Amino acid sequence: MKNTYQNEERYFEAKKQVEEIKSFYGNLTAYVIVNIALLIINLVTSPEHLWFFWPLLGWGIGVIFHGMKVFNYMPFFGKDWEDQKIKELMDKENGRKDTWT
């Protein structure tokens, strides 16, 4: 029974990871297409003022953080940090319950 539960849990975790990766690539594709369109619009309408860099930069920062999260490269708030913080908070909560009983 336990083995089946672990397999199901691993399956759902893997499925969730695949969905997150698909979401990232969708975001990246939209980023590239939209920013190419903005570049063309900018160069056609006002080539003397290059404003397309601003959405390129802003959205690009978001894409970078999205990729870092999806591919588990978060030096500050990664999965290890989350697990450690959860354990710390649970231990703290257990300590409070012990003092009241």
PDB file of N, CA and C in Angstrom:
ATOM      1  N   MET A   1       0.830  -1.201   0.000  1.00  0.00           N
ATOM      2  CA  MET A   1       0.000   0.000   0.000  1.00  0.00           C
ATOM      3  C   MET A   1       0.868   1.256   0.000  1.00  0.00           C
ATOM      4  N   LYS A   2       1.874   1.244   0.866  1.00  0.00           N
ATOM      5  CA  LYS A   2       2.750   2.405   0.970  1.00  0.00           C
ATOM      6  C   LYS A   2       3.495   2.644  -0.347  1.00  0.00           C
ATOM      7  N   ASN A   3       3.941   1.574  -0.991  1.00  0.00           N
ATOM      8  CA  ASN A   3       4.665   1.679  -2.248  1.00  0.00           C
ATOM      9  C   ASN A   3       3.783   2.292  -3.333  1.00  0.00           C
ATOM     10  N   THR A   4       2.493   1.901  -3.382  1.00  0.00           N
ATOM     11  CA  THR A   4       1.563   2.465  -4.356  1.00  0.00           C
ATOM     12  C   THR A   4       1.371   3.950  -4.104  1.00  0.00           C
ATOM     13  N   TYR A   5       1.223   4.317  -2.850  1.00  0.00           N
ATOM     14  CA  TYR A   5       1.055   5.723  -2.497  1.00  0.00           C
ATOM     15  C   TYR A   5       2.283   6.537  -2.908  1.00  0.00           C
ATOM     16  N   GLN A   6       3.467   5.991  -2.643  1.00  0.00           N
ATOM     17  CA  GLN A   6       4.700   6.697  -3.017  1.00  0.00           C
ATOM     18  C   GLN A   6       4.809   6.847  -4.523  1.00  0.00           C
ATOM     19  N   ASN A   7       4.424   5.805  -5.276  1.00  0.00           N
ATOM     20  CA  ASN A   7       4.465   5.888  -6.736  1.00  0.00           C
ATOM     21  C   ASN A   7       3.493   6.931  -7.256  1.00  0.00           C
ATOM     22  N   GLU A   8       2.289   6.972  -6.671  1.00  0.00           N
ATOM     23  CA  GLU A   8       1.308   7.978  -7.077  1.00  0.00           C
ATOM     24  C   GLU A   8       1.822   9.385  -6.774  1.00  0.00           C
ATOM     25  N   GLU A   9       2.381   9.539  -5.595  1.00  0.00           N
ATOM     26  CA  GLU A   9       2.906  10.847  -5.205  1.00  0.00           C
ATOM     27  C   GLU A   9       4.029  11.280  -6.141  1.00  0.00           C
ATOM     28  N   ARG A  10       4.946  10.361  -6.456  1.00  0.00           N
ATOM     29  CA  ARG A  10       6.041  10.677  -7.374  1.00  0.00           C
ATOM     30  C   ARG A  10       5.503  11.009  -8.764  1.00  0.00           C
ATOM     31  N   TYR A  11       4.468  10.276  -9.204  1.00  0.00           N
ATOM     32  CA  TYR A  11       3.857  10.537 -10.503  1.00  0.00           C
ATOM     33  C   TYR A  11       3.273  11.947 -10.545  1.00  0.00           C
ATOM     34  N   PHE A  12       2.517  12.321  -9.520  1.00  0.00           N
ATOM     35  CA  PHE A  12       1.895  13.643  -9.512  1.00  0.00           C
ATOM     36  C   PHE A  12       2.931  14.758  -9.392  1.00  0.00           C
ATOM     37  N   GLU A  13       3.999  14.523  -8.659  1.00  0.00           N
ATOM     38  CA  GLU A  13       5.084  15.511  -8.581  1.00  0.00           C
ATOM     39  C   GLU A  13       5.746  15.682  -9.944  1.00  0.00           C
ATOM     40  N   ALA A  14       5.999  14.562 -10.628  1.00  0.00           N
ATOM     41  CA  ALA A  14       6.613  14.626 -11.959  1.00  0.00           C
ATOM     42  C   ALA A  14       5.675  15.316 -12.947  1.00  0.00           C
ATOM     43  N   LYS A  15       4.393  15.012 -12.866  1.00  0.00           N
ATOM     44  CA  LYS A  15       3.408  15.634 -13.759  1.00  0.00           C
ATOM     45  C   LYS A  15       3.347  17.139 -13.509  1.00  0.00           C
ATOM     46  N   LYS A  16       3.398  17.534 -12.251  1.00  0.00           N
ATOM     47  CA  LYS A  16       3.390  18.954 -11.900  1.00  0.00           C
ATOM     48  C   LYS A  16       4.632  19.646 -12.460  1.00  0.00           C
ATOM     49  N   GLN A  17       5.784  18.988 -12.369  1.00  0.00           N
ATOM     50  CA  GLN A  17       7.032  19.556 -12.895  1.00  0.00           C
ATOM     51  C   GLN A  17       6.955  19.720 -14.412  1.00  0.00           C
ATOM     52  N   VAL A  18       6.375  18.722 -15.100  1.00  0.00           N
ATOM     53  CA  VAL A  18       6.230  18.807 -16.552  1.00  0.00           C
ATOM     54  C   VAL A  18       5.317  19.980 -16.918  1.00  0.00           C
ATOM     55  N   GLU A  19       4.231  20.163 -16.183  1.00  0.00           N
ATOM     56  CA  GLU A  19       3.326  21.292 -16.442  1.00  0.00           C
ATOM     57  C   GLU A  19       4.035  22.627 -16.230  1.00  0.00           C
ATOM     58  N   GLU A  20       4.881  22.711 -15.203  1.00  0.00           N
ATOM     59  CA  GLU A  20       5.626  23.941 -14.957  1.00  0.00           C
ATOM     60  C   GLU A  20       6.628  24.215 -16.081  1.00  0.00           C
ATOM     61  N   ILE A  21       7.266  23.175 -16.582  1.00  0.00           N
ATOM     62  CA  ILE A  21       8.214  23.336 -17.689  1.00  0.00           C
ATOM     63  C   ILE A  21       7.475  23.784 -18.950  1.00  0.00           C
ATOM     64  N   LYS A  22       6.322  23.170 -19.220  1.00  0.00           N
ATOM     65  CA  LYS A  22       5.521  23.583 -20.377  1.00  0.00           C
ATOM     66  C   LYS A  22       5.104  25.043 -20.249  1.00  0.00           C
ATOM     67  N   SER A  23       4.718  25.429 -19.052  1.00  0.00           N
ATOM     68  CA  SER A  23       4.317  26.813 -18.799  1.00  0.00           C
ATOM     69  C   SER A  23       5.476  27.772 -19.066  1.00  0.00           C
ATOM     70  N   PHE A  24       6.673  27.388 -18.637  1.00  0.00           N
ATOM     71  CA  PHE A  24       7.846  28.230 -18.873  1.00  0.00           C
ATOM     72  C   PHE A  24       8.113  28.389 -20.363  1.00  0.00           C
ATOM     73  N   TYR A  25       8.089  27.285 -21.100  1.00  0.00           N
ATOM     74  CA  TYR A  25       8.359  27.374 -22.535  1.00  0.00           C
ATOM     75  C   TYR A  25       7.270  28.160 -23.263  1.00  0.00           C
ATOM     76  N   GLY A  26       6.034  28.080 -22.795  1.00  0.00           N
ATOM     77  CA  GLY A  26       4.970  28.910 -23.354  1.00  0.00           C
ATOM     78  C   GLY A  26       5.242  30.386 -23.110  1.00  0.00           C
ATOM     79  N   ASN A  27       5.666  30.701 -21.891  1.00  0.00           N
ATOM     80  CA  ASN A  27       6.013  32.077 -21.535  1.00  0.00           C
ATOM     81  C   ASN A  27       7.186  32.569 -22.386  1.00  0.00           C
ATOM     82  N   LEU A  28       8.200  31.726 -22.541  1.00  0.00           N
ATOM     83  CA  LEU A  28       9.379  32.090 -23.331  1.00  0.00           C
ATOM     84  C   LEU A  28       9.013  32.311 -24.797  1.00  0.00           C
ATOM     85  N   THR A  29       8.171  31.448 -25.339  1.00  0.00           N
ATOM     86  CA  THR A  29       7.739  31.597 -26.730  1.00  0.00           C
ATOM     87  C   THR A  29       6.965  32.904 -26.924  1.00  0.00           C
ATOM     88  N   ALA A  30       6.036  33.178 -26.027  1.00  0.00           N
ATOM     89  CA  ALA A  30       5.276  34.427 -26.109  1.00  0.00           C
ATOM     90  C   ALA A  30       6.203  35.628 -25.984  1.00  0.00           C
ATOM     91  N   TYR A  31       7.178  35.542 -25.095  1.00  0.00           N
ATOM     92  CA  TYR A  31       8.156  36.621 -24.903  1.00  0.00           C
ATOM     93  C   TYR A  31       8.892  36.931 -26.206  1.00  0.00           C
ATOM     94  N   VAL A  32       9.371  35.894 -26.863  1.00  0.00           N
ATOM     95  CA  VAL A  32      10.126  36.085 -28.108  1.00  0.00           C
ATOM     96  C   VAL A  32       9.223  36.662 -29.198  1.00  0.00           C
ATOM     97  N   ILE A  33       8.047  36.074 -29.400  1.00  0.00           N
ATOM     98  CA  ILE A  33       7.155  36.519 -30.475  1.00  0.00           C
ATOM     99  C   ILE A  33       6.688  37.949 -30.253  1.00  0.00           C
ATOM    100  N   VAL A  34       6.221  38.241 -29.056  1.00  0.00           N
ATOM    101  CA  VAL A  34       5.705  39.586 -28.764  1.00  0.00           C
ATOM    102  C   VAL A  34       6.816  40.626 -28.875  1.00  0.00           C
ATOM    103  N   ASN A  35       8.008  40.309 -28.381  1.00  0.00           N
ATOM    104  CA  ASN A  35       9.076  41.300 -28.439  1.00  0.00           C
ATOM    105  C   ASN A  35       9.615  41.509 -29.852  1.00  0.00           C
ATOM    106  N   ILE A  36       9.573  40.486 -30.692  1.00  0.00           N
ATOM    107  CA  ILE A  36       9.919  40.686 -32.106  1.00  0.00           C
ATOM    108  C   ILE A  36       8.890  41.601 -32.758  1.00  0.00           C
ATOM    109  N   ALA A  37       7.600  41.378 -32.452  1.00  0.00           N
ATOM    110  CA  ALA A  37       6.544  42.238 -32.985  1.00  0.00           C
ATOM    111  C   ALA A  37       6.719  43.673 -32.499  1.00  0.00           C
ATOM    112  N   LEU A  38       7.042  43.856 -31.216  1.00  0.00           N
ATOM    113  CA  LEU A  38       7.256  45.206 -30.691  1.00  0.00           C
ATOM    114  C   LEU A  38       8.458  45.873 -31.349  1.00  0.00           C
ATOM    115  N   LEU A  39       9.509  45.115 -31.610  1.00  0.00           N
ATOM    116  CA  LEU A  39      10.681  45.653 -32.297  1.00  0.00           C
ATOM    117  C   LEU A  39      10.296  46.140 -33.686  1.00  0.00           C
ATOM    118  N   ILE A  40       9.553  45.335 -34.416  1.00  0.00           N
ATOM    119  CA  ILE A  40       9.134  45.725 -35.765  1.00  0.00           C
ATOM    120  C   ILE A  40       8.253  46.965 -35.719  1.00  0.00           C
ATOM    121  N   ILE A  41       7.278  46.974 -34.813  1.00  0.00           N
ATOM    122  CA  ILE A  41       6.395  48.138 -34.676  1.00  0.00           C
ATOM    123  C   ILE A  41       7.204  49.382 -34.341  1.00  0.00           C
ATOM    124  N   ASN A  42       8.147  49.248 -33.405  1.00  0.00           N
ATOM    125  CA  ASN A  42       8.976  50.381 -33.006  1.00  0.00           C
ATOM    126  C   ASN A  42       9.806  50.902 -34.173  1.00  0.00           C
ATOM    127  N   LEU A  43      10.436  50.019 -34.909  1.00  0.00           N
ATOM    128  CA  LEU A  43      11.288  50.445 -36.015  1.00  0.00           C
ATOM    129  C   LEU A  43      10.487  51.042 -37.171  1.00  0.00           C
ATOM    130  N   VAL A  44       9.265  50.598 -37.357  1.00  0.00           N
ATOM    131  CA  VAL A  44       8.425  51.139 -38.428  1.00  0.00           C
ATOM    132  C   VAL A  44       7.840  52.489 -38.039  1.00  0.00           C
ATOM    133  N   THR A  45       7.380  52.620 -36.803  1.00  0.00           N
ATOM    134  CA  THR A  45       6.673  53.835 -36.409  1.00  0.00           C
ATOM    135  C   THR A  45       7.577  54.951 -35.895  1.00  0.00           C
ATOM    136  N   SER A  46       8.573  54.615 -35.101  1.00  0.00           N
ATOM    137  CA  SER A  46       9.436  55.660 -34.538  1.00  0.00           C
ATOM    138  C   SER A  46      10.853  55.131 -34.337  1.00  0.00           C
ATOM    139  N   PRO A  47      11.605  54.973 -35.418  1.00  0.00           N
ATOM    140  CA  PRO A  47      12.954  54.412 -35.296  1.00  0.00           C
ATOM    141  C   PRO A  47      13.934  55.322 -34.545  1.00  0.00           C
ATOM    142  N   GLU A  48      13.614  56.599 -34.426  1.00  0.00           N
ATOM    143  CA  GLU A  48      14.507  57.514 -33.714  1.00  0.00           C
ATOM    144  C   GLU A  48      14.423  57.349 -32.192  1.00  0.00           C
ATOM    145  N   HIS A  49      13.345  56.745 -31.722  1.00  0.00           N
ATOM    146  CA  HIS A  49      13.169  56.515 -30.279  1.00  0.00           C
ATOM    147  C   HIS A  49      12.923  55.023 -30.050  1.00  0.00           C
ATOM    148  N   LEU A  50      13.904  54.330 -29.513  1.00  0.00           N
ATOM    149  CA  LEU A  50      13.791  52.887 -29.324  1.00  0.00           C
ATOM    150  C   LEU A  50      13.190  52.568 -27.952  1.00  0.00           C
ATOM    151  N   TRP A  51      11.883  52.437 -27.926  1.00  0.00           N
ATOM    152  CA  TRP A  51      11.178  52.165 -26.682  1.00  0.00           C
ATOM    153  C   TRP A  51      10.969  50.674 -26.427  1.00  0.00           C
ATOM    154  N   PHE A  52      11.177  49.835 -27.430  1.00  0.00           N
ATOM    155  CA  PHE A  52      10.887  48.406 -27.269  1.00  0.00           C
ATOM    156  C   PHE A  52      11.800  47.742 -26.232  1.00  0.00           C
ATOM    157  N   PHE A  53      12.917  48.410 -25.889  1.00  0.00           N
ATOM    158  CA  PHE A  53      13.818  47.838 -24.894  1.00  0.00           C
ATOM    159  C   PHE A  53      13.153  47.697 -23.522  1.00  0.00           C
ATOM    160  N   TRP A  54      12.237  48.600 -23.177  1.00  0.00           N
ATOM    161  CA  TRP A  54      11.630  48.590 -21.845  1.00  0.00           C
ATOM    162  C   TRP A  54      10.769  47.360 -21.595  1.00  0.00           C
ATOM    163  N   PRO A  55       9.818  47.038 -22.494  1.00  0.00           N
ATOM    164  CA  PRO A  55       9.077  45.786 -22.252  1.00  0.00           C
ATOM    165  C   PRO A  55       9.978  44.554 -22.381  1.00  0.00           C
ATOM    166  N   LEU A  56      10.967  44.624 -23.259  1.00  0.00           N
ATOM    167  CA  LEU A  56      11.920  43.524 -23.414  1.00  0.00           C
ATOM    168  C   LEU A  56      12.647  43.275 -22.093  1.00  0.00           C
ATOM    169  N   LEU A  57      13.082  44.341 -21.455  1.00  0.00           N
ATOM    170  CA  LEU A  57      13.803  44.227 -20.191  1.00  0.00           C
ATOM    171  C   LEU A  57      12.886  43.761 -19.054  1.00  0.00           C
ATOM    172  N   GLY A  58      11.732  44.407 -18.921  1.00  0.00           N
ATOM    173  CA  GLY A  58      10.819  44.064 -17.824  1.00  0.00           C
ATOM    174  C   GLY A  58      10.334  42.636 -17.886  1.00  0.00           C
ATOM    175  N   TRP A  59       9.832  42.242 -19.041  1.00  0.00           N
ATOM    176  CA  TRP A  59       9.320  40.887 -19.201  1.00  0.00           C
ATOM    177  C   TRP A  59      10.474  39.883 -19.132  1.00  0.00           C
ATOM    178  N   GLY A  60      11.633  40.273 -19.631  1.00  0.00           N
ATOM    179  CA  GLY A  60      12.807  39.399 -19.603  1.00  0.00           C
ATOM    180  C   GLY A  60      13.215  39.032 -18.189  1.00  0.00           C
ATOM    181  N   ILE A  61      13.141  39.990 -17.283  1.00  0.00           N
ATOM    182  CA  ILE A  61      13.455  39.706 -15.880  1.00  0.00           C
ATOM    183  C   ILE A  61      12.479  38.668 -15.332  1.00  0.00           C
ATOM    184  N   GLY A  62      11.199  38.835 -15.675  1.00  0.00           N
ATOM    185  CA  GLY A  62      10.195  37.860 -15.241  1.00  0.00           C
ATOM    186  C   GLY A  62      10.450  36.473 -15.810  1.00  0.00           C
ATOM    187  N   VAL A  63      10.835  36.407 -17.082  1.00  0.00           N
ATOM    188  CA  VAL A  63      11.125  35.116 -17.716  1.00  0.00           C
ATOM    189  C   VAL A  63      12.324  34.450 -17.036  1.00  0.00           C
ATOM    190  N   ILE A  64      13.333  35.233 -16.708  1.00  0.00           N
ATOM    191  CA  ILE A  64      14.518  34.680 -16.040  1.00  0.00           C
ATOM    192  C   ILE A  64      14.138  34.080 -14.687  1.00  0.00           C
ATOM    193  N   PHE A  65      13.367  34.808 -13.883  1.00  0.00           N
ATOM    194  CA  PHE A  65      12.958  34.285 -12.576  1.00  0.00           C
ATOM    195  C   PHE A  65      12.047  33.063 -12.717  1.00  0.00           C
ATOM    196  N   HIS A  66      11.174  33.089 -13.724  1.00  0.00           N
ATOM    197  CA  HIS A  66      10.310  31.945 -13.976  1.00  0.00           C
ATOM    198  C   HIS A  66      11.157  30.713 -14.301  1.00  0.00           C
ATOM    199  N   GLY A  67      12.141  30.870 -15.174  1.00  0.00           N
ATOM    200  CA  GLY A  67      13.034  29.765 -15.519  1.00  0.00           C
ATOM    201  C   GLY A  67      13.826  29.269 -14.332  1.00  0.00           C
ATOM    202  N   MET A  68      14.297  30.183 -13.510  1.00  0.00           N
ATOM    203  CA  MET A  68      15.062  29.790 -12.318  1.00  0.00           C
ATOM    204  C   MET A  68      14.195  28.962 -11.378  1.00  0.00           C
ATOM    205  N   LYS A  69      12.930  29.346 -11.237  1.00  0.00           N
ATOM    206  CA  LYS A  69      12.020  28.609 -10.359  1.00  0.00           C
ATOM    207  C   LYS A  69      11.714  27.232 -10.937  1.00  0.00           C
ATOM    208  N   VAL A  70      11.400  27.180 -12.225  1.00  0.00           N
ATOM    209  CA  VAL A  70      11.022  25.916 -12.859  1.00  0.00           C
ATOM    210  C   VAL A  70      12.165  24.913 -12.847  1.00  0.00           C
ATOM    211  N   PHE A  71      13.381  25.383 -13.110  1.00  0.00           N
ATOM    212  CA  PHE A  71      14.520  24.478 -13.193  1.00  0.00           C
ATOM    213  C   PHE A  71      15.299  24.391 -11.878  1.00  0.00           C
ATOM    214  N   ASN A  72      14.626  24.780 -10.793  1.00  0.00           N
ATOM    215  CA  ASN A  72      15.155  24.648  -9.426  1.00  0.00           C
ATOM    216  C   ASN A  72      16.527  25.283  -9.244  1.00  0.00           C
ATOM    217  N   TYR A  73      16.687  26.464  -9.779  1.00  0.00           N
ATOM    218  CA  TYR A  73      17.909  27.212  -9.527  1.00  0.00           C
ATOM    219  C   TYR A  73      17.535  28.523  -8.854  1.00  0.00           C
ATOM    220  N   MET A  74      17.239  28.426  -7.579  1.00  0.00           N
ATOM    221  CA  MET A  74      16.918  29.609  -6.791  1.00  0.00           C
ATOM    222  C   MET A  74      17.893  29.645  -5.624  1.00  0.00           C
ATOM    223  N   PRO A  75      18.973  30.391  -5.771  1.00  0.00           N
ATOM    224  CA  PRO A  75      19.985  30.389  -4.721  1.00  0.00           C
ATOM    225  C   PRO A  75      19.468  30.889  -3.374  1.00  0.00           C
ATOM    226  N   PHE A  76      18.450  31.733  -3.383  1.00  0.00           N
ATOM    227  CA  PHE A  76      17.971  32.300  -2.121  1.00  0.00           C
ATOM    228  C   PHE A  76      16.727  31.603  -1.602  1.00  0.00           C
ATOM    229  N   PHE A  77      15.748  31.363  -2.451  1.00  0.00           N
ATOM    230  CA  PHE A  77      14.478  30.795  -2.010  1.00  0.00           C
ATOM    231  C   PHE A  77      14.145  29.531  -2.780  1.00  0.00           C
ATOM    232  N   GLY A  78      15.069  28.608  -2.839  1.00  0.00           N
ATOM    233  CA  GLY A  78      14.878  27.359  -3.567  1.00  0.00           C
ATOM    234  C   GLY A  78      14.131  26.327  -2.749  1.00  0.00           C
ATOM    235  N   LYS A  79      14.033  25.137  -3.306  1.00  0.00           N
ATOM    236  CA  LYS A  79      13.315  24.039  -2.665  1.00  0.00           C
ATOM    237  C   LYS A  79      13.935  23.683  -1.316  1.00  0.00           C
ATOM    238  N   ASP A  80      15.269  23.692  -1.241  1.00  0.00           N
ATOM    239  CA  ASP A  80      15.929  23.382   0.032  1.00  0.00           C
ATOM    240  C   ASP A  80      15.558  24.404   1.096  1.00  0.00           C
ATOM    241  N   TRP A  81      15.520  25.669   0.707  1.00  0.00           N
ATOM    242  CA  TRP A  81      15.151  26.721   1.648  1.00  0.00           C
ATOM    243  C   TRP A  81      13.709  26.519   2.115  1.00  0.00           C
ATOM    244  N   GLU A  82      12.811  26.201   1.159  1.00  0.00           N
ATOM    245  CA  GLU A  82      11.409  25.975   1.512  1.00  0.00           C
ATOM    246  C   GLU A  82      11.274  24.836   2.511  1.00  0.00           C
ATOM    247  N   ASP A  83      11.921  23.709   2.206  1.00  0.00           N
ATOM    248  CA  ASP A  83      11.834  22.551   3.094  1.00  0.00           C
ATOM    249  C   ASP A  83      12.365  22.881   4.483  1.00  0.00           C
ATOM    250  N   GLN A  84      13.480  23.585   4.532  1.00  0.00           N
ATOM    251  CA  GLN A  84      14.079  23.950   5.816  1.00  0.00           C
ATOM    252  C   GLN A  84      13.149  24.887   6.591  1.00  0.00           C
ATOM    253  N   LYS A  85      12.558  25.858   5.906  1.00  0.00           N
ATOM    254  CA  LYS A  85      11.666  26.813   6.561  1.00  0.00           C
ATOM    255  C   LYS A  85      10.398  26.126   7.071  1.00  0.00           C
ATOM    256  N   ILE A  86       9.858  25.202   6.284  1.00  0.00           N
ATOM    257  CA  ILE A  86       8.665  24.455   6.708  1.00  0.00           C
ATOM    258  C   ILE A  86       8.972  23.662   7.966  1.00  0.00           C
ATOM    259  N   LYS A  87      10.111  22.971   7.955  1.00  0.00           N
ATOM    260  CA  LYS A  87      10.503  22.184   9.130  1.00  0.00           C
ATOM    261  C   LYS A  87      10.685  23.092  10.346  1.00  0.00           C
ATOM    262  N   GLU A  88      11.326  24.239  10.130  1.00  0.00           N
ATOM    263  CA  GLU A  88      11.548  25.182  11.234  1.00  0.00           C
ATOM    264  C   GLU A  88      10.222  25.661  11.817  1.00  0.00           C
ATOM    265  N   LEU A  89       9.280  26.018  10.962  1.00  0.00           N
ATOM    266  CA  LEU A  89       7.991  26.511  11.438  1.00  0.00           C
ATOM    267  C   LEU A  89       7.190  25.409  12.121  1.00  0.00           C
ATOM    268  N   MET A  90       7.259  24.189  11.583  1.00  0.00           N
ATOM    269  CA  MET A  90       6.551  23.073  12.221  1.00  0.00           C
ATOM    270  C   MET A  90       7.148  22.762  13.589  1.00  0.00           C
ATOM    271  N   ASP A  91       8.484  22.794  13.691  1.00  0.00           N
ATOM    272  CA  ASP A  91       9.130  22.562  14.981  1.00  0.00           C
ATOM    273  C   ASP A  91       8.746  23.648  15.981  1.00  0.00           C
ATOM    274  N   LYS A  92       8.691  24.872  15.494  1.00  0.00           N
ATOM    275  CA  LYS A  92       8.315  25.998  16.354  1.00  0.00           C
ATOM    276  C   LYS A  92       6.878  25.821  16.854  1.00  0.00           C
ATOM    277  N   GLU A  93       5.983  25.418  15.946  1.00  0.00           N
ATOM    278  CA  GLU A  93       4.585  25.202  16.313  1.00  0.00           C
ATOM    279  C   GLU A  93       4.457  24.044  17.293  1.00  0.00           C
ATOM    280  N   ASN A  94       5.206  22.974  17.085  1.00  0.00           N
ATOM    281  CA  ASN A  94       5.179  21.843  18.010  1.00  0.00           C
ATOM    282  C   ASN A  94       5.694  22.258  19.389  1.00  0.00           C
ATOM    283  N   GLY A  95       6.682  23.128  19.423  1.00  0.00           N
ATOM    284  CA  GLY A  95       7.208  23.627  20.689  1.00  0.00           C
ATOM    285  C   GLY A  95       6.169  24.417  21.448  1.00  0.00           C
ATOM    286  N   ARG A  96       5.355  25.203  20.748  1.00  0.00           N
ATOM    287  CA  ARG A  96       4.292  25.977  21.393  1.00  0.00           C
ATOM    288  C   ARG A  96       3.220  25.059  21.956  1.00  0.00           C
ATOM    289  N   LYS A  97       2.857  24.027  21.213  1.00  0.00           N
ATOM    290  CA  LYS A  97       1.814  23.103  21.682  1.00  0.00           C
ATOM    291  C   LYS A  97       2.284  22.350  22.907  1.00  0.00           C
ATOM    292  N   ASP A  98       3.570  22.011  22.953  1.00  0.00           N
ATOM    293  CA  ASP A  98       4.099  21.281  24.110  1.00  0.00           C
ATOM    294  C   ASP A  98       4.035  22.123  25.376  1.00  0.00           C
ATOM    295  N   THR A  99       4.199  23.445  25.272  1.00  0.00           N
ATOM    296  CA  THR A  99       4.185  24.286  26.463  1.00  0.00           C
ATOM    297  C   THR A  99       2.777  24.474  27.008  1.00  0.00           C
ATOM    298  N   TRP A 100       1.741  24.317  26.166  1.00  0.00           N
ATOM    299  CA  TRP A 100       0.371  24.511  26.605  1.00  0.00           C
ATOM    300  C   TRP A 100      -0.256  23.236  27.186  1.00  0.00           C
ATOM    301  N   THR A 101       0.348  22.096  26.932  1.00  0.00           N
ATOM    302  CA  THR A 101      -0.259  20.854  27.429  1.00  0.00           C
ATOM    303  C   THR A 101       0.299  20.444  28.747  1.00  0.00           C
TER     304      THR A 101
END
